[in-house]
PDB file of N, CA and C in Angstrom:
ATOM      1  N   ILE A   1      70.905  57.128 154.948  1.00  0.00           N
ATOM      2  CA  ILE A   1      70.337  56.574 153.801  1.00  0.00           C
ATOM      3  C   ILE A   1      68.751  56.937 153.729  1.00  0.00           C
ATOM      4  N   VAL A   2      68.185  57.389 152.910  1.00  0.00           N
ATOM      5  CA  VAL A   2      66.852  57.609 152.759  1.00  0.00           C
ATOM      6  C   VAL A   2      66.253  56.482 151.618  1.00  0.00           C
ATOM      7  N   ALA A   3      65.276  55.536 152.530  1.00  0.00           N
ATOM      8  CA  ALA A   3      64.799  54.907 151.533  1.00  0.00           C
ATOM      9  C   ALA A   3      63.308  54.361 152.095  1.00  0.00           C
ATOM     10  N   ASN A   4      62.240  53.869 151.320  1.00  0.00           N
ATOM     11  CA  ASN A   4      61.036  53.375 151.383  1.00  0.00           C
ATOM     12  C   ASN A   4      61.071  52.220 152.116  1.00  0.00           C
ATOM     13  N   LEU A   5      60.008  52.545 153.220  1.00  0.00           N
ATOM     14  CA  LEU A   5      59.781  50.905 154.067  1.00  0.00           C
ATOM     15  C   LEU A   5      58.954  49.855 152.639  1.00  0.00           C
ATOM     16  N   TRP A   6      58.355  50.513 152.029  1.00  0.00           N
ATOM     17  CA  TRP A   6      57.135  49.573 151.065  1.00  0.00           C
ATOM     18  C   TRP A   6      57.710  49.982 149.883  1.00  0.00           C
ATOM     19  N   ASP A   7      57.169  49.069 148.416  1.00  0.00           N
ATOM     20  CA  ASP A   7      57.312  49.756 147.362  1.00  0.00           C
ATOM     21  C   ASP A   7      56.336  51.138 146.869  1.00  0.00           C
ATOM     22  N   VAL A   8      57.142  52.343 146.251  1.00  0.00           N
ATOM     23  CA  VAL A   8      56.082  52.909 145.836  1.00  0.00           C
ATOM     24  C   VAL A   8      56.209  53.526 144.540  1.00  0.00           C
ATOM     25  N   THR A   9      55.264  53.294 143.822  1.00  0.00           N
ATOM     26  CA  THR A   9      55.517  53.155 142.210  1.00  0.00           C
ATOM     27  C   THR A   9      54.283  54.690 141.660  1.00  0.00           C
ATOM     28  N   ASP A  10      54.289  55.865 142.280  1.00  0.00           N
ATOM     29  CA  ASP A  10      53.467  57.184 142.334  1.00  0.00           C
ATOM     30  C   ASP A  10      54.406  58.083 141.783  1.00  0.00           C
ATOM     31  N   LYS A  11      53.371  59.198 141.183  1.00  0.00           N
ATOM     32  CA  LYS A  11      53.940  60.338 141.269  1.00  0.00           C
ATOM     33  C   LYS A  11      54.520  61.081 142.574  1.00  0.00           C
ATOM     34  N   ASP A  12      53.747  60.983 143.690  1.00  0.00           N
ATOM     35  CA  ASP A  12      53.588  61.291 144.618  1.00  0.00           C
ATOM     36  C   ASP A  12      55.191  61.452 145.128  1.00  0.00           C
ATOM     37  N   ILE A  13      55.763  59.751 145.015  1.00  0.00           N
ATOM     38  CA  ILE A  13      57.014  59.597 145.116  1.00  0.00           C
ATOM     39  C   ILE A  13      57.761  60.908 144.469  1.00  0.00           C
ATOM     40  N   ASP A  14      57.915  61.110 143.198  1.00  0.00           N
ATOM     41  CA  ASP A  14      58.329  62.210 142.475  1.00  0.00           C
ATOM     42  C   ASP A  14      58.239  63.505 143.167  1.00  0.00           C
ATOM     43  N   ARG A  15      57.079  63.930 143.783  1.00  0.00           N
ATOM     44  CA  ARG A  15      56.784  65.139 144.526  1.00  0.00           C
ATOM     45  C   ARG A  15      57.789  65.371 145.696  1.00  0.00           C
ATOM     46  N   PHE A  16      57.695  64.350 146.058  1.00  0.00           N
ATOM     47  CA  PHE A  16      58.356  64.127 147.707  1.00  0.00           C
ATOM     48  C   PHE A  16      60.096  64.175 147.163  1.00  0.00           C
ATOM     49  N   SER A  17      60.691  63.407 146.228  1.00  0.00           N
ATOM     50  CA  SER A  17      61.941  63.594 146.325  1.00  0.00           C
ATOM     51  C   SER A  17      62.252  65.155 146.070  1.00  0.00           C
ATOM     52  N   GLU A  18      61.354  65.368 144.774  1.00  0.00           N
ATOM     53  CA  GLU A  18      61.644  66.960 144.201  1.00  0.00           C
ATOM     54  C   GLU A  18      61.838  68.053 145.718  1.00  0.00           C
ATOM     55  N   SER A  19      60.824  67.940 146.181  1.00  0.00           N
ATOM     56  CA  SER A  19      60.381  68.871 147.756  1.00  0.00           C
ATOM     57  C   SER A  19      61.908  68.776 148.563  1.00  0.00           C
ATOM     58  N   LEU A  20      61.967  66.872 148.247  1.00  0.00           N
ATOM     59  CA  LEU A  20      63.221  66.980 149.390  1.00  0.00           C
ATOM     60  C   LEU A  20      64.366  67.651 148.977  1.00  0.00           C
ATOM     61  N   LEU A  21      64.702  67.542 148.054  1.00  0.00           N
ATOM     62  CA  LEU A  21      66.148  68.251 147.134  1.00  0.00           C
ATOM     63  C   LEU A  21      66.171  69.391 147.271  1.00  0.00           C
ATOM     64  N   LYS A  22      64.825  70.161 146.768  1.00  0.00           N
ATOM     65  CA  LYS A  22      65.092  71.580 146.649  1.00  0.00           C
ATOM     66  C   LYS A  22      65.110  72.119 147.917  1.00  0.00           C
ATOM     67  N   GLN A  23      64.509  71.675 149.345  1.00  0.00           N
ATOM     68  CA  GLN A  23      64.787  72.326 150.599  1.00  0.00           C
ATOM     69  C   GLN A  23      65.994  72.094 151.431  1.00  0.00           C
ATOM     70  N   TRP A  24      66.595  70.687 151.127  1.00  0.00           N
ATOM     71  CA  TRP A  24      68.002  70.547 151.648  1.00  0.00           C
ATOM     72  C   TRP A  24      68.967  71.117 150.798  1.00  0.00           C
ATOM     73  N   LEU A  25      69.456  71.078 149.369  1.00  0.00           N
ATOM     74  CA  LEU A  25      69.946  71.748 148.906  1.00  0.00           C
ATOM     75  C   LEU A  25      70.156  73.247 149.035  1.00  0.00           C
ATOM     76  N   GLN A  26      69.346  73.902 148.909  1.00  0.00           N
ATOM     77  CA  GLN A  26      69.287  75.582 149.110  1.00  0.00           C
ATOM     78  C   GLN A  26      70.441  76.063 149.935  1.00  0.00           C
ATOM     79  N   PRO A  27      71.062  76.987 148.918  1.00  0.00           N
ATOM     80  CA  PRO A  27      72.674  77.492 149.634  1.00  0.00           C
ATOM     81  C   PRO A  27      72.130  77.784 151.512  1.00  0.00           C
ATOM     82  N   ASP A  28      70.970  78.346 151.415  1.00  0.00           N
ATOM     83  CA  ASP A  28      70.834  78.953 152.603  1.00  0.00           C
ATOM     84  C   ASP A  28      70.331  78.234 153.945  1.00  0.00           C
ATOM     85  N   ALA A  29      70.279  76.280 153.513  1.00  0.00           N
ATOM     86  CA  ALA A  29      69.196  76.163 153.979  1.00  0.00           C
ATOM     87  C   ALA A  29      69.652  75.716 156.003  1.00  0.00           C
ATOM     88  N   GLN A  30      69.145  75.845 156.652  1.00  0.00           N
ATOM     89  CA  GLN A  30      69.676  75.611 158.235  1.00  0.00           C
ATOM     90  C   GLN A  30      68.811  74.563 158.562  1.00  0.00           C
ATOM     91  N   LEU A  31      68.487  73.541 157.538  1.00  0.00           N
ATOM     92  CA  LEU A  31      67.927  72.643 158.328  1.00  0.00           C
ATOM     93  C   LEU A  31      68.518  71.266 157.991  1.00  0.00           C
ATOM     94  N   SER A  32      68.141  70.177 159.001  1.00  0.00           N
ATOM     95  CA  SER A  32      68.796  69.320 158.942  1.00  0.00           C
ATOM     96  C   SER A  32      68.066  68.097 157.625  1.00  0.00           C
ATOM     97  N   LEU A  33      68.424  66.890 157.654  1.00  0.00           N
ATOM     98  CA  LEU A  33      67.915  65.905 156.555  1.00  0.00           C
ATOM     99  C   LEU A  33      66.430  65.558 157.202  1.00  0.00           C
ATOM    100  N   PRO A  34      66.472  65.274 158.513  1.00  0.00           N
ATOM    101  CA  PRO A  34      65.304  64.524 158.928  1.00  0.00           C
ATOM    102  C   PRO A  34      63.936  65.175 159.210  1.00  0.00           C
ATOM    103  N   GLN A  35      64.849  66.949 159.488  1.00  0.00           N
ATOM    104  CA  GLN A  35      63.460  67.753 159.357  1.00  0.00           C
ATOM    105  C   GLN A  35      63.029  68.587 157.696  1.00  0.00           C
ATOM    106  N   VAL A  36      63.610  68.317 156.778  1.00  0.00           N
ATOM    107  CA  VAL A  36      63.534  68.272 155.703  1.00  0.00           C
ATOM    108  C   VAL A  36      62.364  67.214 155.518  1.00  0.00           C
ATOM    109  N   LEU A  37      63.136  65.608 155.623  1.00  0.00           N
ATOM    110  CA  LEU A  37      62.205  65.222 155.031  1.00  0.00           C
ATOM    111  C   LEU A  37      60.818  64.782 155.762  1.00  0.00           C
ATOM    112  N   SER A  38      60.924  65.532 156.892  1.00  0.00           N
ATOM    113  CA  SER A  38      59.357  65.504 157.647  1.00  0.00           C
ATOM    114  C   SER A  38      58.680  66.410 156.907  1.00  0.00           C
ATOM    115  N   GLN A  39      59.093  67.331 156.766  1.00  0.00           N
ATOM    116  CA  GLN A  39      58.196  68.617 155.703  1.00  0.00           C
ATOM    117  C   GLN A  39      58.435  68.020 154.426  1.00  0.00           C
ATOM    118  N   SER A  40      58.945  67.577 153.660  1.00  0.00           N
ATOM    119  CA  SER A  40      58.509  66.888 152.135  1.00  0.00           C
ATOM    120  C   SER A  40      57.485  66.012 152.415  1.00  0.00           C
ATOM    121  N   ARG A  41      57.111  65.148 153.507  1.00  0.00           N
ATOM    122  CA  ARG A  41      55.755  64.423 153.229  1.00  0.00           C
ATOM    123  C   ARG A  41      54.941  65.345 153.168  1.00  0.00           C
ATOM    124  N   GLN A  42      54.385  66.727 153.158  1.00  0.00           N
ATOM    125  CA  GLN A  42      53.093  67.334 152.970  1.00  0.00           C
ATOM    126  C   GLN A  42      53.248  67.548 151.624  1.00  0.00           C
ATOM    127  N   ALA A  43      54.061  67.315 150.650  1.00  0.00           N
ATOM    128  CA  ALA A  43      54.149  67.721 149.111  1.00  0.00           C
ATOM    129  C   ALA A  43      53.391  66.579 148.352  1.00  0.00           C
ATOM    130  N   CYS A  44      52.830  65.476 149.347  1.00  0.00           N
ATOM    131  CA  CYS A  44      52.766  64.013 148.587  1.00  0.00           C
ATOM    132  C   CYS A  44      50.933  64.135 148.377  1.00  0.00           C
ATOM    133  N   LYS A  45      50.490  63.784 147.688  1.00  0.00           N
ATOM    134  CA  LYS A  45      48.677  64.235 147.829  1.00  0.00           C
ATOM    135  C   LYS A  45      47.982  62.933 149.002  1.00  0.00           C
ATOM    136  N   LEU A  46      48.561  61.937 148.841  1.00  0.00           N
ATOM    137  CA  LEU A  46      48.774  60.774 150.180  1.00  0.00           C
ATOM    138  C   LEU A  46      49.567  60.717 150.956  1.00  0.00           C
ATOM    139  N   LYS A  47      49.586  61.590 151.806  1.00  0.00           N
ATOM    140  CA  LYS A  47      50.889  61.998 152.230  1.00  0.00           C
ATOM    141  C   LYS A  47      50.590  60.786 153.816  1.00  0.00           C
ATOM    142  N   TYR A  48      49.771  60.078 153.900  1.00  0.00           N
ATOM    143  CA  TYR A  48      49.769  58.950 155.222  1.00  0.00           C
ATOM    144  C   TYR A  48      49.617  57.880 154.575  1.00  0.00           C
ATOM    145  N   LEU A  49      50.040  57.841 153.278  1.00  0.00           N
ATOM    146  CA  LEU A  49      50.060  56.442 152.614  1.00  0.00           C
ATOM    147  C   LEU A  49      51.930  56.859 152.020  1.00  0.00           C
ATOM    148  N   ILE A  50      52.291  57.192 150.822  1.00  0.00           N
ATOM    149  CA  ILE A  50      53.280  57.645 149.966  1.00  0.00           C
ATOM    150  C   ILE A  50      53.936  58.131 151.064  1.00  0.00           C
ATOM    151  N   GLY A  51      53.450  59.093 151.341  1.00  0.00           N
ATOM    152  CA  GLY A  51      54.396  60.334 152.389  1.00  0.00           C
ATOM    153  C   GLY A  51      54.943  59.490 153.653  1.00  0.00           C
ATOM    154  N   ALA A  52      54.443  58.117 153.939  1.00  0.00           N
ATOM    155  CA  ALA A  52      54.897  57.950 155.421  1.00  0.00           C
ATOM    156  C   ALA A  52      56.298  56.549 154.863  1.00  0.00           C
ATOM    157  N   SER A  53      56.050  56.220 153.442  1.00  0.00           N
ATOM    158  CA  SER A  53      56.948  55.430 153.215  1.00  0.00           C
ATOM    159  C   SER A  53      58.689  55.962 153.557  1.00  0.00           C
ATOM    160  N   PRO A  54      58.935  56.784 153.222  1.00  0.00           N
ATOM    161  CA  PRO A  54      60.381  57.284 152.838  1.00  0.00           C
ATOM    162  C   PRO A  54      60.862  57.820 154.695  1.00  0.00           C
ATOM    163  N   VAL A  55      62.044  56.957 154.724  1.00  0.00           N
ATOM    164  CA  VAL A  55      62.326  56.880 156.022  1.00  0.00           C
ATOM    165  C   VAL A  55      63.840  57.315 156.242  1.00  0.00           C
ATOM    166  N   LEU A  56      64.758  57.983 157.685  1.00  0.00           N
ATOM    167  CA  LEU A  56      66.046  57.856 157.268  1.00  0.00           C
ATOM    168  C   LEU A  56      66.802  56.715 158.305  1.00  0.00           C
ATOM    169  N   TYR A  57      67.667  56.014 157.889  1.00  0.00           N
ATOM    170  CA  TYR A  57      68.607  55.094 158.429  1.00  0.00           C
ATOM    171  C   TYR A  57      69.511  55.983 158.639  1.00  0.00           C
ATOM    172  N   GLY A  58      70.157  56.375 159.861  1.00  0.00           N
ATOM    173  CA  GLY A  58      71.680  56.890 160.374  1.00  0.00           C
ATOM    174  C   GLY A  58      72.048  57.539 160.740  1.00  0.00           C
ATOM    175  N   LEU A  59      72.283  58.770 161.092  1.00  0.00           N
ATOM    176  CA  LEU A  59      72.761  59.769 162.155  1.00  0.00           C
ATOM    177  C   LEU A  59      72.030  61.224 160.948  1.00  0.00           C
ATOM    178  N   PRO A  60      71.493  61.940 161.862  1.00  0.00           N
ATOM    179  CA  PRO A  60      71.372  63.485 161.195  1.00  0.00           C
ATOM    180  C   PRO A  60      72.302  64.118 160.143  1.00  0.00           C
ATOM    181  N   ALA A  61      71.907  64.386 159.213  1.00  0.00           N
ATOM    182  CA  ALA A  61      73.193  64.929 158.081  1.00  0.00           C
ATOM    183  C   ALA A  61      72.897  66.638 157.969  1.00  0.00           C
ATOM    184  N   HIS A  62      73.830  67.338 158.085  1.00  0.00           N
ATOM    185  CA  HIS A  62      73.557  68.788 157.341  1.00  0.00           C
ATOM    186  C   HIS A  62      74.437  68.979 156.570  1.00  0.00           C
ATOM    187  N   ILE A  63      74.737  69.789 155.657  1.00  0.00           N
ATOM    188  CA  ILE A  63      75.308  70.381 154.208  1.00  0.00           C
ATOM    189  C   ILE A  63      75.989  71.818 155.022  1.00  0.00           C
ATOM    190  N   LYS A  64      77.353  71.790 154.687  1.00  0.00           N
ATOM    191  CA  LYS A  64      77.750  72.871 155.006  1.00  0.00           C
ATOM    192  C   LYS A  64      78.870  73.270 153.639  1.00  0.00           C
ATOM    193  N   GLN A  65      78.752  74.550 153.559  1.00  0.00           N
ATOM    194  CA  GLN A  65      79.367  75.237 152.489  1.00  0.00           C
ATOM    195  C   GLN A  65      80.604  75.465 152.647  1.00  0.00           C
TER     196      GLN A  65
END
């Protein structure tokens, strides 16, 4: 589960979500969800406030074709 630790109502979380999905769902992606989550935080303008809110609960996951 990818969830936010606190309420976030900003376009930054939309940028984060778009970046996360684009990177993770690529056909040739070799990154796990935790790696993509970490990289997607850089898409936020407020990466230490909004980008720090999303966290991953559970085991790391990979998409296999």
